[in-house]
Amino acid sequence: MDRLTLRLSPDLARRFDAVAAGRGGRSRFLRSLMEGAAQASLPGLEIPPPGGKSGKLTLRLGEMDLALLETEAASVGLSRTQWSAALIRRRLHGRPQFARPEALAFIEVQRELRRIGVNVNQIARALNTAVMEGTVLDLETAQLAAFADEIRAHITGLREAFDGNLIYWSATA
């Protein structure tokens, strides 16, 4: 995922946070505004007005189904409403749905991989500019290849986690 950084005055940040609090928080609200702006460039699509209405869905379940829903939702750390909404969003949008702890863990993994990638790039740059004897250069190159293999393994693990999440929310799970 890409990351955007911007500077705001404390007053503007405070006012934005006040508006965003009722819309899922700073990041979620900012993403929805950006999505709306990106879609507005397509013919026939308009930017949703700030504070766009959300609909309420009422669902009646039998005692046994409700108990199963509560058990399933609790098993992944969600309320029954959050779990139901995640299931609907997965089916509508085809994207993984994560509970907050999982999302934060994935963000941290992404940060770590980015940090490791920066370090690997610095090592590669140093190797390209360094004048080393053949044996030393071979050892450094081997270490760089080992780092690349480790990163690939972590990326494969992330991919498997995303695939597992998609399978969990799919109708055939």
N, C-alpha and C. Protein backbone atom coordinates (compact mmCIF):
# COMPACT_ATOMS: atom_id res chain seq x y z
N MET A 1 0.84 -1.18 0.00
CA MET A 1 0.00 0.00 0.00
C MET A 1 0.87 1.23 0.00
N ASP A 2 0.43 2.24 -0.69
CA ASP A 2 1.15 3.50 -0.68
C ASP A 2 0.76 4.29 0.56
N ARG A 3 1.62 5.21 0.94
CA ARG A 3 1.37 6.05 2.09
C ARG A 3 1.53 7.50 1.67
N LEU A 4 0.61 8.33 2.07
CA LEU A 4 0.69 9.76 1.81
C LEU A 4 0.91 10.46 3.13
N THR A 5 1.74 11.48 3.12
CA THR A 5 2.00 12.26 4.32
C THR A 5 1.72 13.71 4.00
N LEU A 6 1.05 14.41 4.92
CA LEU A 6 0.82 15.82 4.72
C LEU A 6 0.88 16.53 6.05
N ARG A 7 1.11 17.81 5.98
CA ARG A 7 1.20 18.63 7.19
C ARG A 7 -0.05 19.48 7.30
N LEU A 8 -0.60 19.53 8.51
CA LEU A 8 -1.81 20.30 8.77
C LEU A 8 -1.57 21.19 9.98
N SER A 9 -2.28 22.28 10.00
CA SER A 9 -2.22 23.10 11.21
C SER A 9 -2.93 22.32 12.32
N PRO A 10 -2.55 22.55 13.56
CA PRO A 10 -3.21 21.83 14.67
C PRO A 10 -4.72 22.05 14.68
N ASP A 11 -5.16 23.26 14.33
CA ASP A 11 -6.58 23.55 14.31
C ASP A 11 -7.30 22.72 13.25
N LEU A 12 -6.73 22.66 12.03
CA LEU A 12 -7.35 21.88 10.96
C LEU A 12 -7.37 20.40 11.32
N ALA A 13 -6.29 19.89 11.89
CA ALA A 13 -6.23 18.49 12.30
C ALA A 13 -7.30 18.19 13.35
N ARG A 14 -7.47 19.10 14.31
CA ARG A 14 -8.48 18.92 15.36
C ARG A 14 -9.89 18.91 14.77
N ARG A 15 -10.17 19.84 13.86
CA ARG A 15 -11.49 19.90 13.24
C ARG A 15 -11.75 18.66 12.37
N PHE A 16 -10.72 18.22 11.62
CA PHE A 16 -10.87 17.03 10.79
C PHE A 16 -11.14 15.81 11.66
N ASP A 17 -10.40 15.67 12.76
CA ASP A 17 -10.60 14.54 13.67
C ASP A 17 -12.01 14.54 14.24
N ALA A 18 -12.53 15.72 14.54
CA ALA A 18 -13.89 15.81 15.07
C ALA A 18 -14.91 15.29 14.06
N VAL A 19 -14.72 15.63 12.79
CA VAL A 19 -15.63 15.16 11.75
C VAL A 19 -15.41 13.67 11.51
N ALA A 20 -14.15 13.24 11.48
CA ALA A 20 -13.81 11.85 11.17
C ALA A 20 -14.23 10.89 12.27
N ALA A 21 -14.34 11.37 13.49
CA ALA A 21 -14.67 10.48 14.61
C ALA A 21 -16.00 9.76 14.38
N GLY A 22 -16.95 10.44 13.79
CA GLY A 22 -18.24 9.82 13.53
C GLY A 22 -18.29 9.02 12.25
N ARG A 23 -17.17 8.93 11.56
CA ARG A 23 -17.15 8.23 10.27
C ARG A 23 -16.06 7.16 10.22
N GLY A 24 -15.78 6.57 11.37
CA GLY A 24 -14.84 5.45 11.39
C GLY A 24 -13.40 5.83 11.67
N GLY A 25 -13.13 7.10 11.97
CA GLY A 25 -11.78 7.51 12.28
C GLY A 25 -11.09 8.21 11.14
N ARG A 26 -9.94 8.77 11.47
CA ARG A 26 -9.18 9.60 10.53
C ARG A 26 -8.85 8.88 9.23
N SER A 27 -8.24 7.69 9.31
CA SER A 27 -7.80 6.99 8.10
C SER A 27 -8.97 6.55 7.24
N ARG A 28 -9.97 5.97 7.87
CA ARG A 28 -11.11 5.46 7.10
C ARG A 28 -11.83 6.61 6.39
N PHE A 29 -12.04 7.72 7.10
CA PHE A 29 -12.74 8.85 6.50
C PHE A 29 -11.92 9.45 5.36
N LEU A 30 -10.61 9.59 5.58
CA LEU A 30 -9.75 10.14 4.53
C LEU A 30 -9.74 9.24 3.30
N ARG A 31 -9.68 7.91 3.51
CA ARG A 31 -9.74 6.99 2.38
C ARG A 31 -11.06 7.14 1.62
N SER A 32 -12.18 7.28 2.35
CA SER A 32 -13.47 7.39 1.66
C SER A 32 -13.54 8.70 0.87
N LEU A 33 -12.98 9.77 1.40
CA LEU A 33 -12.94 11.03 0.65
C LEU A 33 -12.08 10.89 -0.61
N MET A 34 -10.93 10.22 -0.47
CA MET A 34 -10.04 10.04 -1.62
C MET A 34 -10.69 9.14 -2.66
N GLU A 35 -11.36 8.08 -2.21
CA GLU A 35 -12.06 7.19 -3.13
C GLU A 35 -13.13 7.95 -3.90
N GLY A 36 -13.88 8.75 -3.18
CA GLY A 36 -14.91 9.56 -3.83
C GLY A 36 -14.33 10.53 -4.84
N ALA A 37 -13.22 11.15 -4.49
CA ALA A 37 -12.57 12.08 -5.42
C ALA A 37 -12.03 11.36 -6.64
N ALA A 38 -11.48 10.17 -6.44
CA ALA A 38 -10.94 9.40 -7.57
C ALA A 38 -12.06 8.94 -8.49
N GLN A 39 -13.18 8.56 -7.92
CA GLN A 39 -14.30 8.11 -8.74
C GLN A 39 -14.98 9.27 -9.45
N ALA A 40 -14.88 10.47 -8.90
CA ALA A 40 -15.54 11.62 -9.50
C ALA A 40 -14.93 11.96 -10.85
N SER A 41 -13.70 11.53 -11.09
CA SER A 41 -13.08 11.83 -12.37
C SER A 41 -13.64 10.94 -13.48
N LEU A 42 -14.37 9.89 -13.11
CA LEU A 42 -14.99 9.03 -14.10
C LEU A 42 -16.34 9.61 -14.48
N PRO A 43 -16.73 9.52 -15.75
CA PRO A 43 -18.02 10.08 -16.15
C PRO A 43 -19.17 9.41 -15.41
N GLY A 44 -20.11 10.22 -14.98
CA GLY A 44 -21.32 9.70 -14.34
C GLY A 44 -21.19 9.43 -12.86
N LEU A 45 -20.02 9.60 -12.28
CA LEU A 45 -19.87 9.37 -10.84
C LEU A 45 -19.64 10.69 -10.14
N GLU A 46 -20.23 10.81 -8.96
CA GLU A 46 -20.10 12.04 -8.19
C GLU A 46 -19.44 11.76 -6.86
N ILE A 47 -18.81 12.78 -6.31
CA ILE A 47 -18.22 12.66 -4.98
C ILE A 47 -19.36 12.60 -3.97
N PRO A 48 -19.33 11.61 -3.06
CA PRO A 48 -20.39 11.58 -2.06
C PRO A 48 -20.25 12.78 -1.13
N PRO A 49 -21.36 13.36 -0.74
CA PRO A 49 -21.27 14.53 0.14
C PRO A 49 -20.68 14.14 1.48
N PRO A 50 -19.94 15.06 2.11
CA PRO A 50 -19.40 14.75 3.44
C PRO A 50 -20.57 14.40 4.36
N GLY A 51 -20.33 13.43 5.18
CA GLY A 51 -21.39 13.01 6.09
C GLY A 51 -22.47 12.23 5.37
N GLY A 52 -22.08 11.57 4.27
CA GLY A 52 -23.04 10.77 3.54
C GLY A 52 -23.73 9.78 4.47
N LYS A 53 -24.97 9.53 4.18
CA LYS A 53 -25.76 8.68 5.07
C LYS A 53 -25.37 7.22 4.91
N SER A 54 -25.41 6.53 6.00
CA SER A 54 -25.24 5.09 5.96
C SER A 54 -26.62 4.48 6.22
N GLY A 55 -26.82 3.33 5.68
CA GLY A 55 -28.10 2.67 5.88
C GLY A 55 -28.02 1.70 7.03
N LYS A 56 -29.15 1.41 7.58
CA LYS A 56 -29.20 0.46 8.67
C LYS A 56 -29.87 -0.81 8.16
N LEU A 57 -29.28 -1.93 8.47
CA LEU A 57 -29.82 -3.22 8.09
C LEU A 57 -30.23 -3.95 9.37
N THR A 58 -31.47 -4.36 9.43
CA THR A 58 -31.94 -5.11 10.57
C THR A 58 -32.12 -6.55 10.12
N LEU A 59 -31.62 -7.45 10.91
CA LEU A 59 -31.64 -8.85 10.55
C LEU A 59 -32.18 -9.64 11.74
N ARG A 60 -33.17 -10.45 11.49
CA ARG A 60 -33.72 -11.28 12.56
C ARG A 60 -33.25 -12.72 12.35
N LEU A 61 -32.68 -13.26 13.40
CA LEU A 61 -32.20 -14.64 13.35
C LEU A 61 -32.83 -15.43 14.49
N GLY A 62 -32.95 -16.71 14.26
CA GLY A 62 -33.42 -17.59 15.32
C GLY A 62 -32.37 -17.69 16.41
N GLU A 63 -32.78 -18.21 17.55
CA GLU A 63 -31.88 -18.31 18.71
C GLU A 63 -30.59 -19.06 18.37
N MET A 64 -30.73 -20.19 17.70
CA MET A 64 -29.57 -21.01 17.39
C MET A 64 -28.64 -20.30 16.41
N ASP A 65 -29.21 -19.69 15.36
CA ASP A 65 -28.39 -18.96 14.40
C ASP A 65 -27.69 -17.77 15.05
N LEU A 66 -28.39 -17.08 15.93
CA LEU A 66 -27.80 -15.94 16.62
C LEU A 66 -26.65 -16.40 17.51
N ALA A 67 -26.83 -17.51 18.20
CA ALA A 67 -25.76 -18.04 19.05
C ALA A 67 -24.55 -18.43 18.21
N LEU A 68 -24.80 -19.07 17.06
CA LEU A 68 -23.69 -19.44 16.17
C LEU A 68 -22.98 -18.21 15.63
N LEU A 69 -23.75 -17.19 15.28
CA LEU A 69 -23.17 -15.93 14.79
C LEU A 69 -22.29 -15.31 15.87
N GLU A 70 -22.78 -15.24 17.08
CA GLU A 70 -22.00 -14.64 18.17
C GLU A 70 -20.72 -15.43 18.43
N THR A 71 -20.81 -16.75 18.37
CA THR A 71 -19.63 -17.59 18.58
C THR A 71 -18.61 -17.36 17.48
N GLU A 72 -19.07 -17.36 16.24
CA GLU A 72 -18.16 -17.15 15.10
C GLU A 72 -17.51 -15.78 15.15
N ALA A 73 -18.31 -14.76 15.43
CA ALA A 73 -17.77 -13.39 15.50
C ALA A 73 -16.75 -13.27 16.63
N ALA A 74 -17.06 -13.84 17.78
CA ALA A 74 -16.13 -13.78 18.91
C ALA A 74 -14.83 -14.50 18.60
N SER A 75 -14.91 -15.57 17.80
CA SER A 75 -13.70 -16.33 17.49
C SER A 75 -12.68 -15.53 16.69
N VAL A 76 -13.14 -14.51 15.98
CA VAL A 76 -12.21 -13.65 15.22
C VAL A 76 -12.10 -12.26 15.83
N GLY A 77 -12.64 -12.09 17.05
CA GLY A 77 -12.48 -10.84 17.78
C GLY A 77 -13.37 -9.71 17.29
N LEU A 78 -14.52 -10.04 16.74
CA LEU A 78 -15.45 -9.02 16.25
C LEU A 78 -16.79 -9.14 16.95
N SER A 79 -17.54 -8.06 16.97
CA SER A 79 -18.93 -8.14 17.44
C SER A 79 -19.75 -8.77 16.33
N ARG A 80 -20.95 -9.16 16.62
CA ARG A 80 -21.76 -9.78 15.58
C ARG A 80 -22.09 -8.80 14.46
N THR A 81 -22.25 -7.53 14.79
CA THR A 81 -22.50 -6.52 13.76
C THR A 81 -21.26 -6.32 12.89
N GLN A 82 -20.09 -6.22 13.52
CA GLN A 82 -18.85 -6.06 12.75
C GLN A 82 -18.62 -7.28 11.85
N TRP A 83 -18.86 -8.47 12.37
CA TRP A 83 -18.65 -9.69 11.60
C TRP A 83 -19.60 -9.73 10.41
N SER A 84 -20.87 -9.41 10.63
CA SER A 84 -21.85 -9.41 9.55
C SER A 84 -21.50 -8.38 8.49
N ALA A 85 -21.10 -7.19 8.92
CA ALA A 85 -20.72 -6.14 7.97
C ALA A 85 -19.48 -6.57 7.18
N ALA A 86 -18.52 -7.21 7.84
CA ALA A 86 -17.31 -7.67 7.14
C ALA A 86 -17.67 -8.72 6.10
N LEU A 87 -18.57 -9.62 6.44
CA LEU A 87 -19.00 -10.64 5.50
C LEU A 87 -19.66 -10.00 4.27
N ILE A 88 -20.51 -9.04 4.50
CA ILE A 88 -21.19 -8.35 3.39
C ILE A 88 -20.17 -7.58 2.55
N ARG A 89 -19.26 -6.86 3.20
CA ARG A 89 -18.25 -6.10 2.45
C ARG A 89 -17.35 -7.03 1.64
N ARG A 90 -17.00 -8.16 2.19
CA ARG A 90 -16.16 -9.12 1.46
C ARG A 90 -16.88 -9.58 0.20
N ARG A 91 -18.15 -9.89 0.32
CA ARG A 91 -18.91 -10.35 -0.85
C ARG A 91 -19.12 -9.22 -1.85
N LEU A 92 -19.32 -8.01 -1.39
CA LEU A 92 -19.57 -6.88 -2.29
C LEU A 92 -18.31 -6.37 -2.97
N HIS A 93 -17.21 -6.31 -2.22
CA HIS A 93 -15.99 -5.68 -2.72
C HIS A 93 -14.87 -6.66 -3.06
N GLY A 94 -14.97 -7.90 -2.58
CA GLY A 94 -13.96 -8.90 -2.90
C GLY A 94 -12.60 -8.65 -2.27
N ARG A 95 -12.56 -7.92 -1.17
CA ARG A 95 -11.29 -7.61 -0.50
C ARG A 95 -11.24 -8.27 0.87
N PRO A 96 -10.05 -8.50 1.38
CA PRO A 96 -9.93 -9.07 2.73
C PRO A 96 -10.58 -8.16 3.77
N GLN A 97 -11.06 -8.75 4.83
CA GLN A 97 -11.66 -8.01 5.94
C GLN A 97 -10.91 -8.40 7.20
N PHE A 98 -10.32 -7.42 7.87
CA PHE A 98 -9.52 -7.71 9.05
C PHE A 98 -10.09 -7.02 10.28
N ALA A 99 -9.97 -7.71 11.41
CA ALA A 99 -10.26 -7.08 12.69
C ALA A 99 -9.12 -6.09 12.95
N ARG A 100 -9.35 -5.14 13.82
CA ARG A 100 -8.35 -4.09 14.07
C ARG A 100 -6.98 -4.66 14.45
N PRO A 101 -6.89 -5.64 15.35
CA PRO A 101 -5.56 -6.16 15.69
C PRO A 101 -4.84 -6.77 14.48
N GLU A 102 -5.59 -7.48 13.63
CA GLU A 102 -4.98 -8.06 12.44
C GLU A 102 -4.50 -6.96 11.50
N ALA A 103 -5.32 -5.96 11.30
CA ALA A 103 -4.94 -4.85 10.40
C ALA A 103 -3.68 -4.16 10.91
N LEU A 104 -3.61 -3.92 12.22
CA LEU A 104 -2.43 -3.27 12.80
C LEU A 104 -1.20 -4.17 12.64
N ALA A 105 -1.38 -5.48 12.79
CA ALA A 105 -0.25 -6.40 12.62
C ALA A 105 0.25 -6.37 11.18
N PHE A 106 -0.66 -6.34 10.20
CA PHE A 106 -0.25 -6.28 8.80
C PHE A 106 0.46 -4.96 8.49
N ILE A 107 -0.01 -3.88 9.08
CA ILE A 107 0.65 -2.58 8.87
C ILE A 107 2.07 -2.64 9.42
N GLU A 108 2.24 -3.24 10.59
CA GLU A 108 3.57 -3.35 11.19
C GLU A 108 4.49 -4.22 10.34
N VAL A 109 3.97 -5.32 9.82
CA VAL A 109 4.76 -6.19 8.94
C VAL A 109 5.18 -5.42 7.69
N GLN A 110 4.26 -4.66 7.15
CA GLN A 110 4.58 -3.87 5.96
C GLN A 110 5.69 -2.86 6.27
N ARG A 111 5.62 -2.21 7.42
CA ARG A 111 6.67 -1.26 7.82
C ARG A 111 8.02 -1.96 7.93
N GLU A 112 8.02 -3.13 8.57
CA GLU A 112 9.27 -3.87 8.74
C GLU A 112 9.85 -4.30 7.40
N LEU A 113 9.00 -4.80 6.51
CA LEU A 113 9.49 -5.20 5.19
C LEU A 113 10.05 -4.00 4.42
N ARG A 114 9.38 -2.87 4.54
CA ARG A 114 9.87 -1.66 3.88
C ARG A 114 11.24 -1.26 4.45
N ARG A 115 11.37 -1.34 5.79
CA ARG A 115 12.64 -1.01 6.44
C ARG A 115 13.75 -1.95 5.98
N ILE A 116 13.43 -3.24 5.92
CA ILE A 116 14.41 -4.22 5.45
C ILE A 116 14.79 -3.94 4.00
N GLY A 117 13.79 -3.62 3.19
CA GLY A 117 14.05 -3.30 1.78
C GLY A 117 14.99 -2.11 1.63
N VAL A 118 14.79 -1.09 2.46
CA VAL A 118 15.68 0.07 2.42
C VAL A 118 17.10 -0.35 2.78
N ASN A 119 17.23 -1.18 3.81
CA ASN A 119 18.56 -1.65 4.21
C ASN A 119 19.22 -2.47 3.10
N VAL A 120 18.46 -3.32 2.45
CA VAL A 120 19.00 -4.13 1.36
C VAL A 120 19.46 -3.22 0.21
N ASN A 121 18.67 -2.20 -0.10
CA ASN A 121 19.07 -1.26 -1.15
C ASN A 121 20.37 -0.53 -0.78
N GLN A 122 20.50 -0.15 0.49
CA GLN A 122 21.73 0.51 0.92
C GLN A 122 22.92 -0.43 0.80
N ILE A 123 22.72 -1.69 1.15
CA ILE A 123 23.81 -2.67 1.04
C ILE A 123 24.18 -2.85 -0.43
N ALA A 124 23.19 -2.96 -1.29
CA ALA A 124 23.45 -3.15 -2.72
C ALA A 124 24.21 -1.94 -3.28
N ARG A 125 23.81 -0.75 -2.89
CA ARG A 125 24.50 0.47 -3.35
C ARG A 125 25.95 0.47 -2.87
N ALA A 126 26.16 0.09 -1.61
CA ALA A 126 27.52 0.05 -1.06
C ALA A 126 28.36 -0.98 -1.80
N LEU A 127 27.77 -2.13 -2.13
CA LEU A 127 28.51 -3.16 -2.85
C LEU A 127 28.86 -2.69 -4.26
N ASN A 128 27.97 -1.95 -4.88
CA ASN A 128 28.23 -1.46 -6.23
C ASN A 128 29.36 -0.43 -6.27
N THR A 129 29.51 0.31 -5.18
CA THR A 129 30.54 1.36 -5.18
C THR A 129 31.83 0.93 -4.50
N ALA A 130 31.78 -0.18 -3.75
CA ALA A 130 32.96 -0.61 -3.00
C ALA A 130 33.94 -1.34 -3.91
N VAL A 131 35.20 -1.19 -3.54
CA VAL A 131 36.25 -1.94 -4.23
C VAL A 131 36.69 -3.02 -3.25
N MET A 132 36.30 -4.26 -3.55
CA MET A 132 36.59 -5.37 -2.64
C MET A 132 37.28 -6.48 -3.41
N GLU A 133 37.96 -7.29 -2.63
CA GLU A 133 38.56 -8.48 -3.22
C GLU A 133 37.45 -9.47 -3.54
N GLY A 134 37.73 -10.40 -4.43
CA GLY A 134 36.74 -11.35 -4.90
C GLY A 134 36.04 -12.13 -3.81
N THR A 135 36.78 -12.65 -2.82
CA THR A 135 36.19 -13.48 -1.78
C THR A 135 35.26 -12.67 -0.89
N VAL A 136 35.67 -11.49 -0.49
CA VAL A 136 34.85 -10.63 0.36
C VAL A 136 33.58 -10.24 -0.38
N LEU A 137 33.73 -9.88 -1.64
CA LEU A 137 32.57 -9.49 -2.44
C LEU A 137 31.61 -10.67 -2.58
N ASP A 138 32.12 -11.87 -2.77
CA ASP A 138 31.27 -13.05 -2.88
C ASP A 138 30.48 -13.29 -1.60
N LEU A 139 31.12 -13.10 -0.44
CA LEU A 139 30.44 -13.27 0.84
C LEU A 139 29.33 -12.24 1.02
N GLU A 140 29.62 -11.00 0.68
CA GLU A 140 28.62 -9.93 0.79
C GLU A 140 27.45 -10.17 -0.15
N THR A 141 27.75 -10.61 -1.35
CA THR A 141 26.71 -10.90 -2.34
C THR A 141 25.84 -12.06 -1.85
N ALA A 142 26.46 -13.09 -1.26
CA ALA A 142 25.71 -14.23 -0.73
C ALA A 142 24.79 -13.78 0.41
N GLN A 143 25.28 -12.87 1.26
CA GLN A 143 24.45 -12.37 2.36
C GLN A 143 23.28 -11.57 1.82
N LEU A 144 23.51 -10.80 0.81
CA LEU A 144 22.44 -10.02 0.17
C LEU A 144 21.39 -10.96 -0.43
N ALA A 145 21.83 -12.02 -1.06
CA ALA A 145 20.90 -13.01 -1.63
C ALA A 145 20.08 -13.68 -0.53
N ALA A 146 20.71 -13.94 0.62
CA ALA A 146 19.99 -14.55 1.75
C ALA A 146 18.91 -13.59 2.26
N PHE A 147 19.23 -12.29 2.34
CA PHE A 147 18.23 -11.30 2.74
C PHE A 147 17.06 -11.29 1.76
N ALA A 148 17.36 -11.34 0.48
CA ALA A 148 16.31 -11.34 -0.54
C ALA A 148 15.42 -12.57 -0.39
N ASP A 149 16.02 -13.73 -0.12
CA ASP A 149 15.23 -14.96 0.08
C ASP A 149 14.33 -14.82 1.31
N GLU A 150 14.86 -14.23 2.36
CA GLU A 150 14.07 -14.05 3.59
C GLU A 150 12.89 -13.12 3.34
N ILE A 151 13.12 -12.05 2.61
CA ILE A 151 12.03 -11.12 2.29
C ILE A 151 10.98 -11.83 1.45
N ARG A 152 11.41 -12.60 0.45
CA ARG A 152 10.45 -13.34 -0.38
C ARG A 152 9.61 -14.28 0.47
N ALA A 153 10.23 -14.93 1.45
CA ALA A 153 9.49 -15.86 2.32
C ALA A 153 8.44 -15.11 3.13
N HIS A 154 8.80 -13.93 3.64
CA HIS A 154 7.83 -13.13 4.40
C HIS A 154 6.69 -12.65 3.52
N ILE A 155 7.01 -12.26 2.31
CA ILE A 155 5.97 -11.80 1.39
C ILE A 155 5.04 -12.97 1.05
N THR A 156 5.60 -14.16 0.87
CA THR A 156 4.77 -15.35 0.62
C THR A 156 3.86 -15.60 1.82
N GLY A 157 4.39 -15.43 3.03
CA GLY A 157 3.57 -15.59 4.23
C GLY A 157 2.43 -14.59 4.28
N LEU A 158 2.72 -13.35 3.91
CA LEU A 158 1.66 -12.34 3.86
C LEU A 158 0.60 -12.72 2.84
N ARG A 159 1.04 -13.15 1.67
CA ARG A 159 0.10 -13.55 0.62
C ARG A 159 -0.79 -14.69 1.11
N GLU A 160 -0.19 -15.66 1.80
CA GLU A 160 -0.97 -16.77 2.34
C GLU A 160 -1.97 -16.30 3.38
N ALA A 161 -1.57 -15.32 4.20
CA ALA A 161 -2.49 -14.78 5.20
C ALA A 161 -3.67 -14.08 4.53
N PHE A 162 -3.39 -13.29 3.48
CA PHE A 162 -4.47 -12.63 2.76
C PHE A 162 -5.37 -13.66 2.09
N ASP A 163 -4.78 -14.68 1.47
CA ASP A 163 -5.59 -15.73 0.83
C ASP A 163 -6.45 -16.45 1.87
N GLY A 164 -5.87 -16.72 3.03
CA GLY A 164 -6.64 -17.36 4.09
C GLY A 164 -7.80 -16.50 4.55
N ASN A 165 -7.56 -15.20 4.64
CA ASN A 165 -8.64 -14.28 5.03
C ASN A 165 -9.74 -14.30 3.97
N LEU A 166 -9.36 -14.26 2.70
CA LEU A 166 -10.37 -14.28 1.64
C LEU A 166 -11.16 -15.58 1.67
N ILE A 167 -10.48 -16.70 1.92
CA ILE A 167 -11.16 -17.99 1.98
C ILE A 167 -12.14 -18.01 3.15
N TYR A 168 -11.71 -17.46 4.30
CA TYR A 168 -12.57 -17.44 5.49
C TYR A 168 -13.90 -16.75 5.17
N TRP A 169 -13.83 -15.62 4.49
CA TRP A 169 -15.04 -14.84 4.22
C TRP A 169 -15.79 -15.31 2.99
N SER A 170 -15.26 -16.26 2.24
CA SER A 170 -15.95 -16.69 1.02
C SER A 170 -17.12 -17.61 1.37
N ALA A 171 -18.04 -17.74 0.44
CA ALA A 171 -19.25 -18.54 0.66
C ALA A 171 -18.96 -20.02 0.76
N THR A 172 -17.82 -20.45 0.21
CA THR A 172 -17.51 -21.88 0.19
C THR A 172 -16.70 -22.33 1.41
N ALA A 173 -16.35 -21.40 2.28
CA ALA A 173 -15.52 -21.75 3.46
C ALA A 173 -16.29 -22.60 4.44
